[in-house]
């Protein structure tokens, strides 16, 4: 289940994916903390604004798995949008 070898179909193992997923968690935390700080200061932050904040935080992150870059600009934008939505949902009361 948690082997370090590459799967037969070429998909990275769980162990190979953990650093990538951990870094995504760090960006989620940064986005969440930014959203909380801005909300407590009385500023309304739109999902798009939070997405932009997270995207900027990711600007120098270029992960490689099995020798391949896994994030192009469009994928980073999609990931930052996903993380902004999760951060907002974690903070709100399920509105």
PDB file of N, CA and C in Angstrom:
ATOM      1  N   UNK A   1       0.812  -1.199   0.000  1.00  0.00           N
ATOM      2  CA  UNK A   1       0.000   0.000   0.000  1.00  0.00           C
ATOM      3  C   UNK A   1       0.855   1.262   0.000  1.00  0.00           C
ATOM      4  N   UNK A   2       1.895   1.307   0.825  1.00  0.00           N
ATOM      5  CA  UNK A   2       2.733   2.487   0.910  1.00  0.00           C
ATOM      6  C   UNK A   2       4.120   2.229   0.340  1.00  0.00           C
ATOM      7  N   UNK A   3       4.193   1.421  -0.693  1.00  0.00           N
ATOM      8  CA  UNK A   3       5.475   1.087  -1.297  1.00  0.00           C
ATOM      9  C   UNK A   3       6.156   2.286  -1.925  1.00  0.00           C
ATOM     10  N   UNK A   4       7.455   2.155  -2.119  1.00  0.00           N
ATOM     11  CA  UNK A   4       8.220   3.246  -2.705  1.00  0.00           C
ATOM     12  C   UNK A   4       8.479   3.038  -4.189  1.00  0.00           C
ATOM     13  N   UNK A   5       8.109   1.899  -4.703  1.00  0.00           N
ATOM     14  CA  UNK A   5       8.361   1.631  -6.114  1.00  0.00           C
ATOM     15  C   UNK A   5       7.272   2.251  -6.981  1.00  0.00           C
ATOM     16  N   UNK A   6       7.634   2.523  -8.215  1.00  0.00           N
ATOM     17  CA  UNK A   6       6.678   3.050  -9.178  1.00  0.00           C
ATOM     18  C   UNK A   6       5.689   1.955  -9.531  1.00  0.00           C
ATOM     19  N   UNK A   7       4.438   2.328  -9.655  1.00  0.00           N
ATOM     20  CA  UNK A   7       3.407   1.368 -10.027  1.00  0.00           C
ATOM     21  C   UNK A   7       3.650   0.894 -11.456  1.00  0.00           C
ATOM     22  N   UNK A   8       3.190  -0.303 -11.807  1.00  0.00           N
ATOM     23  CA  UNK A   8       3.429  -0.831 -13.152  1.00  0.00           C
ATOM     24  C   UNK A   8       2.946   0.092 -14.278  1.00  0.00           C
ATOM     25  N   UNK A   9       1.874   0.849 -14.053  1.00  0.00           N
ATOM     26  CA  UNK A   9       1.353   1.710 -15.111  1.00  0.00           C
ATOM     27  C   UNK A   9       2.090   3.040 -15.197  1.00  0.00           C
ATOM     28  N   UNK A  10       3.134   3.224 -14.395  1.00  0.00           N
ATOM     29  CA  UNK A  10       3.916   4.445 -14.439  1.00  0.00           C
ATOM     30  C   UNK A  10       3.442   5.526 -13.478  1.00  0.00           C
ATOM     31  N   UNK A  11       2.353   5.282 -12.773  1.00  0.00           N
ATOM     32  CA  UNK A  11       1.866   6.276 -11.812  1.00  0.00           C
ATOM     33  C   UNK A  11       2.777   6.273 -10.597  1.00  0.00           C
ATOM     34  N   UNK A  12       3.124   7.456 -10.081  1.00  0.00           N
ATOM     35  CA  UNK A  12       4.012   7.518  -8.906  1.00  0.00           C
ATOM     36  C   UNK A  12       3.398   6.820  -7.696  1.00  0.00           C
ATOM     37  N   UNK A  13       4.268   6.307  -6.845  1.00  0.00           N
ATOM     38  CA  UNK A  13       3.805   5.653  -5.629  1.00  0.00           C
ATOM     39  C   UNK A  13       3.326   6.703  -4.627  1.00  0.00           C
ATOM     40  N   UNK A  14       2.670   6.231  -3.609  1.00  0.00           N
ATOM     41  CA  UNK A  14       2.194   7.122  -2.546  1.00  0.00           C
ATOM     42  C   UNK A  14       3.363   7.872  -1.921  1.00  0.00           C
ATOM     43  N   UNK A  15       4.453   7.190  -1.686  1.00  0.00           N
ATOM     44  CA  UNK A  15       5.626   7.822  -1.091  1.00  0.00           C
ATOM     45  C   UNK A  15       6.163   8.934  -1.982  1.00  0.00           C
ATOM     46  N   UNK A  16       6.144   8.742  -3.277  1.00  0.00           N
ATOM     47  CA  UNK A  16       6.610   9.775  -4.200  1.00  0.00           C
ATOM     48  C   UNK A  16       5.662  10.969  -4.236  1.00  0.00           C
ATOM     49  N   UNK A  17       4.384  10.738  -3.981  1.00  0.00           N
ATOM     50  CA  UNK A  17       3.379  11.805  -4.021  1.00  0.00           C
ATOM     51  C   UNK A  17       3.331  12.635  -2.738  1.00  0.00           C
ATOM     52  N   UNK A  18       3.782  12.085  -1.624  1.00  0.00           N
ATOM     53  CA  UNK A  18       3.650  12.763  -0.336  1.00  0.00           C
ATOM     54  C   UNK A  18       4.270  14.160  -0.300  1.00  0.00           C
ATOM     55  N   UNK A  19       5.475  14.385  -0.824  1.00  0.00           N
ATOM     56  CA  UNK A  19       6.007  15.755  -0.790  1.00  0.00           C
ATOM     57  C   UNK A  19       5.143  16.739  -1.581  1.00  0.00           C
ATOM     58  N   UNK A  20       4.621  16.310  -2.708  1.00  0.00           N
ATOM     59  CA  UNK A  20       3.743  17.158  -3.523  1.00  0.00           C
ATOM     60  C   UNK A  20       2.473  17.504  -2.748  1.00  0.00           C
ATOM     61  N   UNK A  21       1.869  16.501  -2.146  1.00  0.00           N
ATOM     62  CA  UNK A  21       0.638  16.720  -1.389  1.00  0.00           C
ATOM     63  C   UNK A  21       0.896  17.553  -0.135  1.00  0.00           C
ATOM     64  N   UNK A  22       2.043  17.345   0.496  1.00  0.00           N
ATOM     65  CA  UNK A  22       2.395  18.147   1.666  1.00  0.00           C
ATOM     66  C   UNK A  22       2.536  19.621   1.321  1.00  0.00           C
ATOM     67  N   UNK A  23       3.159  19.902   0.179  1.00  0.00           N
ATOM     68  CA  UNK A  23       3.329  21.291  -0.249  1.00  0.00           C
ATOM     69  C   UNK A  23       1.971  21.913  -0.566  1.00  0.00           C
ATOM     70  N   UNK A  24       1.072  21.139  -1.171  1.00  0.00           N
ATOM     71  CA  UNK A  24      -0.280  21.648  -1.428  1.00  0.00           C
ATOM     72  C   UNK A  24      -0.952  22.019  -0.105  1.00  0.00           C
ATOM     73  N   UNK A  25      -0.733  21.205   0.914  1.00  0.00           N
ATOM     74  CA  UNK A  25      -1.279  21.498   2.235  1.00  0.00           C
ATOM     75  C   UNK A  25      -0.718  22.786   2.819  1.00  0.00           C
ATOM     76  N   UNK A  26       0.561  23.049   2.555  1.00  0.00           N
ATOM     77  CA  UNK A  26       1.164  24.300   3.020  1.00  0.00           C
ATOM     78  C   UNK A  26       0.507  25.510   2.350  1.00  0.00           C
ATOM     79  N   UNK A  27       0.235  25.400   1.046  1.00  0.00           N
ATOM     80  CA  UNK A  27      -0.420  26.500   0.346  1.00  0.00           C
ATOM     81  C   UNK A  27      -1.862  26.671   0.819  1.00  0.00           C
ATOM     82  N   UNK A  28      -2.530  25.578   1.128  1.00  0.00           N
ATOM     83  CA  UNK A  28      -3.879  25.654   1.684  1.00  0.00           C
ATOM     84  C   UNK A  28      -3.835  26.390   3.021  1.00  0.00           C
ATOM     85  N   UNK A  29      -2.874  26.055   3.860  1.00  0.00           N
ATOM     86  CA  UNK A  29      -2.748  26.705   5.164  1.00  0.00           C
ATOM     87  C   UNK A  29      -2.476  28.202   5.006  1.00  0.00           C
ATOM     88  N   UNK A  30      -1.574  28.573   4.089  1.00  0.00           N
ATOM     89  CA  UNK A  30      -1.289  29.991   3.851  1.00  0.00           C
ATOM     90  C   UNK A  30      -2.547  30.718   3.394  1.00  0.00           C
ATOM     91  N   UNK A  31      -3.296  30.107   2.482  1.00  0.00           N
ATOM     92  CA  UNK A  31      -4.529  30.721   2.002  1.00  0.00           C
ATOM     93  C   UNK A  31      -5.552  30.861   3.116  1.00  0.00           C
ATOM     94  N   UNK A  32      -5.695  29.827   3.928  1.00  0.00           N
ATOM     95  CA  UNK A  32      -6.639  29.853   5.042  1.00  0.00           C
ATOM     96  C   UNK A  32      -6.268  30.961   6.032  1.00  0.00           C
ATOM     97  N   UNK A  33      -4.983  31.021   6.397  1.00  0.00           N
ATOM     98  CA  UNK A  33      -4.543  32.038   7.354  1.00  0.00           C
ATOM     99  C   UNK A  33      -4.753  33.450   6.807  1.00  0.00           C
ATOM    100  N   UNK A  34      -4.486  33.633   5.522  1.00  0.00           N
ATOM    101  CA  UNK A  34      -4.704  34.943   4.899  1.00  0.00           C
ATOM    102  C   UNK A  34      -6.188  35.298   4.924  1.00  0.00           C
ATOM    103  N   UNK A  35      -7.029  34.345   4.596  1.00  0.00           N
ATOM    104  CA  UNK A  35      -8.471  34.577   4.578  1.00  0.00           C
ATOM    105  C   UNK A  35      -8.975  34.942   5.980  1.00  0.00           C
ATOM    106  N   UNK A  36      -8.520  34.215   6.975  1.00  0.00           N
ATOM    107  CA  UNK A  36      -8.926  34.487   8.360  1.00  0.00           C
ATOM    108  C   UNK A  36      -8.478  35.875   8.791  1.00  0.00           C
ATOM    109  N   UNK A  37      -7.218  36.217   8.523  1.00  0.00           N
ATOM    110  CA  UNK A  37      -6.705  37.533   8.909  1.00  0.00           C
ATOM    111  C   UNK A  37      -7.503  38.652   8.251  1.00  0.00           C
ATOM    112  N   UNK A  38      -7.764  38.515   6.974  1.00  0.00           N
ATOM    113  CA  UNK A  38      -8.505  39.546   6.259  1.00  0.00           C
ATOM    114  C   UNK A  38      -9.942  39.630   6.769  1.00  0.00           C
ATOM    115  N   UNK A  39     -10.567  38.497   7.041  1.00  0.00           N
ATOM    116  CA  UNK A  39     -11.938  38.484   7.550  1.00  0.00           C
ATOM    117  C   UNK A  39     -12.019  39.133   8.924  1.00  0.00           C
ATOM    118  N   UNK A  40     -11.066  38.822   9.790  1.00  0.00           N
ATOM    119  CA  UNK A  40     -11.056  39.412  11.127  1.00  0.00           C
ATOM    120  C   UNK A  40     -10.798  40.915  11.086  1.00  0.00           C
ATOM    121  N   UNK A  41     -10.131  41.358  10.035  1.00  0.00           N
ATOM    122  CA  UNK A  41      -9.879  42.794   9.864  1.00  0.00           C
ATOM    123  C   UNK A  41     -11.067  43.497   9.223  1.00  0.00           C
ATOM    124  N   UNK A  42     -12.117  42.727   8.912  1.00  0.00           N
ATOM    125  CA  UNK A  42     -13.320  43.310   8.339  1.00  0.00           C
ATOM    126  C   UNK A  42     -13.309  43.433   6.828  1.00  0.00           C
ATOM    127  N   UNK A  43     -12.353  42.796   6.182  1.00  0.00           N
ATOM    128  CA  UNK A  43     -12.246  42.861   4.729  1.00  0.00           C
ATOM    129  C   UNK A  43     -12.883  41.626   4.108  1.00  0.00           C
ATOM    130  N   UNK A  44     -13.719  41.840   3.126  1.00  0.00           N
ATOM    131  CA  UNK A  44     -14.312  40.730   2.394  1.00  0.00           C
ATOM    132  C   UNK A  44     -13.338  40.295   1.308  1.00  0.00           C
ATOM    133  N   UNK A  45     -13.015  39.028   1.310  1.00  0.00           N
ATOM    134  CA  UNK A  45     -12.094  38.480   0.316  1.00  0.00           C
ATOM    135  C   UNK A  45     -12.883  37.540  -0.587  1.00  0.00           C
ATOM    136  N   UNK A  46     -12.908  37.828  -1.867  1.00  0.00           N
ATOM    137  CA  UNK A  46     -13.610  36.977  -2.820  1.00  0.00           C
ATOM    138  C   UNK A  46     -12.789  35.716  -3.085  1.00  0.00           C
ATOM    139  N   UNK A  47     -13.433  34.648  -3.551  1.00  0.00           N
ATOM    140  CA  UNK A  47     -12.681  33.459  -3.934  1.00  0.00           C
ATOM    141  C   UNK A  47     -11.606  33.766  -4.983  1.00  0.00           C
ATOM    142  N   UNK A  48     -11.916  34.676  -5.892  1.00  0.00           N
ATOM    143  CA  UNK A  48     -10.954  35.029  -6.939  1.00  0.00           C
ATOM    144  C   UNK A  48      -9.732  35.736  -6.349  1.00  0.00           C
ATOM    145  N   UNK A  49      -9.966  36.612  -5.374  1.00  0.00           N
ATOM    146  CA  UNK A  49      -8.848  37.322  -4.729  1.00  0.00           C
ATOM    147  C   UNK A  49      -7.978  36.344  -3.945  1.00  0.00           C
ATOM    148  N   UNK A  50      -8.614  35.413  -3.245  1.00  0.00           N
ATOM    149  CA  UNK A  50      -7.843  34.421  -2.500  1.00  0.00           C
ATOM    150  C   UNK A  50      -7.097  33.506  -3.463  1.00  0.00           C
ATOM    151  N   UNK A  51      -7.726  33.168  -4.572  1.00  0.00           N
ATOM    152  CA  UNK A  51      -7.058  32.364  -5.591  1.00  0.00           C
ATOM    153  C   UNK A  51      -5.791  33.066  -6.069  1.00  0.00           C
ATOM    154  N   UNK A  52      -5.887  34.354  -6.331  1.00  0.00           N
ATOM    155  CA  UNK A  52      -4.731  35.122  -6.787  1.00  0.00           C
ATOM    156  C   UNK A  52      -3.632  35.125  -5.728  1.00  0.00           C
ATOM    157  N   UNK A  53      -4.010  35.296  -4.469  1.00  0.00           N
ATOM    158  CA  UNK A  53      -3.037  35.276  -3.379  1.00  0.00           C
ATOM    159  C   UNK A  53      -2.294  33.935  -3.355  1.00  0.00           C
ATOM    160  N   UNK A  54      -3.042  32.839  -3.413  1.00  0.00           N
ATOM    161  CA  UNK A  54      -2.420  31.512  -3.373  1.00  0.00           C
ATOM    162  C   UNK A  54      -1.559  31.287  -4.615  1.00  0.00           C
ATOM    163  N   UNK A  55      -2.051  31.709  -5.768  1.00  0.00           N
ATOM    164  CA  UNK A  55      -1.294  31.553  -7.011  1.00  0.00           C
ATOM    165  C   UNK A  55       0.049  32.277  -6.917  1.00  0.00           C
ATOM    166  N   UNK A  56       0.049  33.468  -6.350  1.00  0.00           N
ATOM    167  CA  UNK A  56       1.302  34.216  -6.191  1.00  0.00           C
ATOM    168  C   UNK A  56       2.237  33.479  -5.232  1.00  0.00           C
ATOM    169  N   UNK A  57       1.679  32.906  -4.175  1.00  0.00           N
ATOM    170  CA  UNK A  57       2.499  32.142  -3.233  1.00  0.00           C
ATOM    171  C   UNK A  57       3.170  30.946  -3.920  1.00  0.00           C
ATOM    172  N   UNK A  58       2.498  30.392  -4.920  1.00  0.00           N
ATOM    173  CA  UNK A  58       3.003  29.218  -5.644  1.00  0.00           C
ATOM    174  C   UNK A  58       3.979  29.565  -6.765  1.00  0.00           C
ATOM    175  N   UNK A  59       4.207  30.840  -7.014  1.00  0.00           N
ATOM    176  CA  UNK A  59       4.910  31.263  -8.228  1.00  0.00           C
ATOM    177  C   UNK A  59       6.262  30.584  -8.447  1.00  0.00           C
ATOM    178  N   UNK A  60       7.006  30.328  -7.400  1.00  0.00           N
ATOM    179  CA  UNK A  60       8.321  29.714  -7.585  1.00  0.00           C
ATOM    180  C   UNK A  60       8.308  28.199  -7.386  1.00  0.00           C
ATOM    181  N   UNK A  61       7.146  27.623  -7.150  1.00  0.00           N
ATOM    182  CA  UNK A  61       7.029  26.177  -6.920  1.00  0.00           C
ATOM    183  C   UNK A  61       6.860  25.474  -8.253  1.00  0.00           C
ATOM    184  N   UNK A  62       7.787  24.610  -8.573  1.00  0.00           N
ATOM    185  CA  UNK A  62       7.754  23.852  -9.824  1.00  0.00           C
ATOM    186  C   UNK A  62       8.076  22.387  -9.551  1.00  0.00           C
ATOM    187  N   UNK A  63       7.119  21.651  -8.988  1.00  0.00           N
ATOM    188  CA  UNK A  63       7.382  20.268  -8.597  1.00  0.00           C
ATOM    189  C   UNK A  63       7.640  19.358  -9.801  1.00  0.00           C
ATOM    190  N   UNK A  64       8.480  18.367  -9.541  1.00  0.00           N
ATOM    191  CA  UNK A  64       8.827  17.384 -10.561  1.00  0.00           C
ATOM    192  C   UNK A  64       8.590  15.998  -9.969  1.00  0.00           C
ATOM    193  N   UNK A  65       7.902  15.155 -10.711  1.00  0.00           N
ATOM    194  CA  UNK A  65       7.695  13.757 -10.327  1.00  0.00           C
ATOM    195  C   UNK A  65       8.189  12.881 -11.467  1.00  0.00           C
ATOM    196  N   UNK A  66       9.025  11.942 -11.118  1.00  0.00           N
ATOM    197  CA  UNK A  66       9.566  11.024 -12.112  1.00  0.00           C
ATOM    198  C   UNK A  66      10.208  11.769 -13.282  1.00  0.00           C
ATOM    199  N   UNK A  67      10.876  12.881 -12.970  1.00  0.00           N
ATOM    200  CA  UNK A  67      11.571  13.653 -13.985  1.00  0.00           C
ATOM    201  C   UNK A  67      10.695  14.534 -14.844  1.00  0.00           C
ATOM    202  N   UNK A  68       9.410  14.642 -14.502  1.00  0.00           N
ATOM    203  CA  UNK A  68       8.478  15.454 -15.294  1.00  0.00           C
ATOM    204  C   UNK A  68       7.917  16.592 -14.456  1.00  0.00           C
ATOM    205  N   UNK A  69       7.860  17.791 -15.050  1.00  0.00           N
ATOM    206  CA  UNK A  69       7.170  18.895 -14.392  1.00  0.00           C
ATOM    207  C   UNK A  69       5.676  18.557 -14.361  1.00  0.00           C
ATOM    208  N   UNK A  70       5.065  18.738 -13.224  1.00  0.00           N
ATOM    209  CA  UNK A  70       3.661  18.353 -13.102  1.00  0.00           C
ATOM    210  C   UNK A  70       2.696  19.533 -13.045  1.00  0.00           C
ATOM    211  N   UNK A  71       3.223  20.759 -12.968  1.00  0.00           N
ATOM    212  CA  UNK A  71       2.340  21.924 -12.927  1.00  0.00           C
ATOM    213  C   UNK A  71       2.735  22.939 -13.989  1.00  0.00           C
ATOM    214  N   UNK A  72       1.852  23.160 -14.937  1.00  0.00           N
ATOM    215  CA  UNK A  72       2.023  24.288 -15.847  1.00  0.00           C
ATOM    216  C   UNK A  72       1.185  25.442 -15.294  1.00  0.00           C
ATOM    217  N   UNK A  73       1.200  26.578 -15.955  1.00  0.00           N
ATOM    218  CA  UNK A  73       0.493  27.757 -15.449  1.00  0.00           C
ATOM    219  C   UNK A  73      -0.998  27.473 -15.264  1.00  0.00           C
ATOM    220  N   UNK A  74      -1.620  26.822 -16.238  1.00  0.00           N
ATOM    221  CA  UNK A  74      -3.058  26.550 -16.151  1.00  0.00           C
ATOM    222  C   UNK A  74      -3.383  25.612 -14.996  1.00  0.00           C
ATOM    223  N   UNK A  75      -2.512  24.632 -14.771  1.00  0.00           N
ATOM    224  CA  UNK A  75      -2.744  23.691 -13.670  1.00  0.00           C
ATOM    225  C   UNK A  75      -2.552  24.377 -12.328  1.00  0.00           C
ATOM    226  N   UNK A  76      -1.569  25.280 -12.222  1.00  0.00           N
ATOM    227  CA  UNK A  76      -1.392  26.051 -10.993  1.00  0.00           C
ATOM    228  C   UNK A  76      -2.608  26.930 -10.733  1.00  0.00           C
ATOM    229  N   UNK A  77      -3.163  27.511 -11.788  1.00  0.00           N
ATOM    230  CA  UNK A  77      -4.363  28.338 -11.612  1.00  0.00           C
ATOM    231  C   UNK A  77      -5.527  27.490 -11.108  1.00  0.00           C
ATOM    232  N   UNK A  78      -5.692  26.313 -11.679  1.00  0.00           N
ATOM    233  CA  UNK A  78      -6.773  25.424 -11.236  1.00  0.00           C
ATOM    234  C   UNK A  78      -6.554  24.979  -9.789  1.00  0.00           C
ATOM    235  N   UNK A  79      -5.317  24.655  -9.456  1.00  0.00           N
ATOM    236  CA  UNK A  79      -5.010  24.242  -8.088  1.00  0.00           C
ATOM    237  C   UNK A  79      -5.241  25.381  -7.102  1.00  0.00           C
ATOM    238  N   UNK A  80      -4.821  26.587  -7.464  1.00  0.00           N
ATOM    239  CA  UNK A  80      -5.023  27.720  -6.554  1.00  0.00           C
ATOM    240  C   UNK A  80      -6.510  28.010  -6.370  1.00  0.00           C
ATOM    241  N   UNK A  81      -7.307  27.820  -7.403  1.00  0.00           N
ATOM    242  CA  UNK A  81      -8.768  28.008  -7.287  1.00  0.00           C
ATOM    243  C   UNK A  81      -9.369  26.953  -6.361  1.00  0.00           C
ATOM    244  N   UNK A  82      -8.939  25.708  -6.526  1.00  0.00           N
ATOM    245  CA  UNK A  82      -9.405  24.630  -5.660  1.00  0.00           C
ATOM    246  C   UNK A  82      -9.045  24.913  -4.202  1.00  0.00           C
ATOM    247  N   UNK A  83      -7.785  25.269  -3.955  1.00  0.00           N
ATOM    248  CA  UNK A  83      -7.340  25.523  -2.583  1.00  0.00           C
ATOM    249  C   UNK A  83      -8.047  26.721  -1.971  1.00  0.00           C
ATOM    250  N   UNK A  84      -8.318  27.753  -2.765  1.00  0.00           N
ATOM    251  CA  UNK A  84      -9.040  28.912  -2.222  1.00  0.00           C
ATOM    252  C   UNK A  84     -10.449  28.504  -1.802  1.00  0.00           C
ATOM    253  N   UNK A  85     -11.101  27.681  -2.599  1.00  0.00           N
ATOM    254  CA  UNK A  85     -12.441  27.202  -2.241  1.00  0.00           C
ATOM    255  C   UNK A  85     -12.432  26.380  -0.965  1.00  0.00           C
ATOM    256  N   UNK A  86     -11.446  25.504  -0.829  1.00  0.00           N
ATOM    257  CA  UNK A  86     -11.343  24.681   0.381  1.00  0.00           C
ATOM    258  C   UNK A  86     -11.076  25.573   1.597  1.00  0.00           C
ATOM    259  N   UNK A  87     -10.170  26.540   1.469  1.00  0.00           N
ATOM    260  CA  UNK A  87      -9.859  27.434   2.586  1.00  0.00           C
ATOM    261  C   UNK A  87     -11.097  28.200   3.038  1.00  0.00           C
ATOM    262  N   UNK A  88     -11.846  28.724   2.088  1.00  0.00           N
ATOM    263  CA  UNK A  88     -13.045  29.472   2.426  1.00  0.00           C
ATOM    264  C   UNK A  88     -14.075  28.557   3.084  1.00  0.00           C
ATOM    265  N   UNK A  89     -14.242  27.359   2.562  1.00  0.00           N
ATOM    266  CA  UNK A  89     -15.209  26.426   3.133  1.00  0.00           C
ATOM    267  C   UNK A  89     -14.810  25.992   4.544  1.00  0.00           C
ATOM    268  N   UNK A  90     -13.514  25.892   4.808  1.00  0.00           N
ATOM    269  CA  UNK A  90     -13.061  25.532   6.150  1.00  0.00           C
ATOM    270  C   UNK A  90     -13.366  26.637   7.161  1.00  0.00           C
ATOM    271  N   UNK A  91     -13.366  27.878   6.701  1.00  0.00           N
ATOM    272  CA  UNK A  91     -13.597  29.002   7.602  1.00  0.00           C
ATOM    273  C   UNK A  91     -15.077  29.327   7.802  1.00  0.00           C
ATOM    274  N   UNK A  92     -15.867  29.175   6.769  1.00  0.00           N
ATOM    275  CA  UNK A  92     -17.283  29.562   6.865  1.00  0.00           C
ATOM    276  C   UNK A  92     -18.089  28.483   7.583  1.00  0.00           C
ATOM    277  N   UNK A  93     -19.281  28.846   7.960  1.00  0.00           N
ATOM    278  CA  UNK A  93     -20.160  27.949   8.705  1.00  0.00           C
ATOM    279  C   UNK A  93     -21.079  27.152   7.794  1.00  0.00           C
ATOM    280  N   UNK A  94     -20.603  26.765   6.630  1.00  0.00           N
ATOM    281  CA  UNK A  94     -21.414  25.979   5.712  1.00  0.00           C
ATOM    282  C   UNK A  94     -22.575  26.742   5.127  1.00  0.00           C
ATOM    283  N   UNK A  95     -22.347  28.001   4.824  1.00  0.00           N
ATOM    284  CA  UNK A  95     -23.404  28.873   4.301  1.00  0.00           C
ATOM    285  C   UNK A  95     -23.900  28.409   2.968  1.00  0.00           C
TER     286      UNK A  95
END
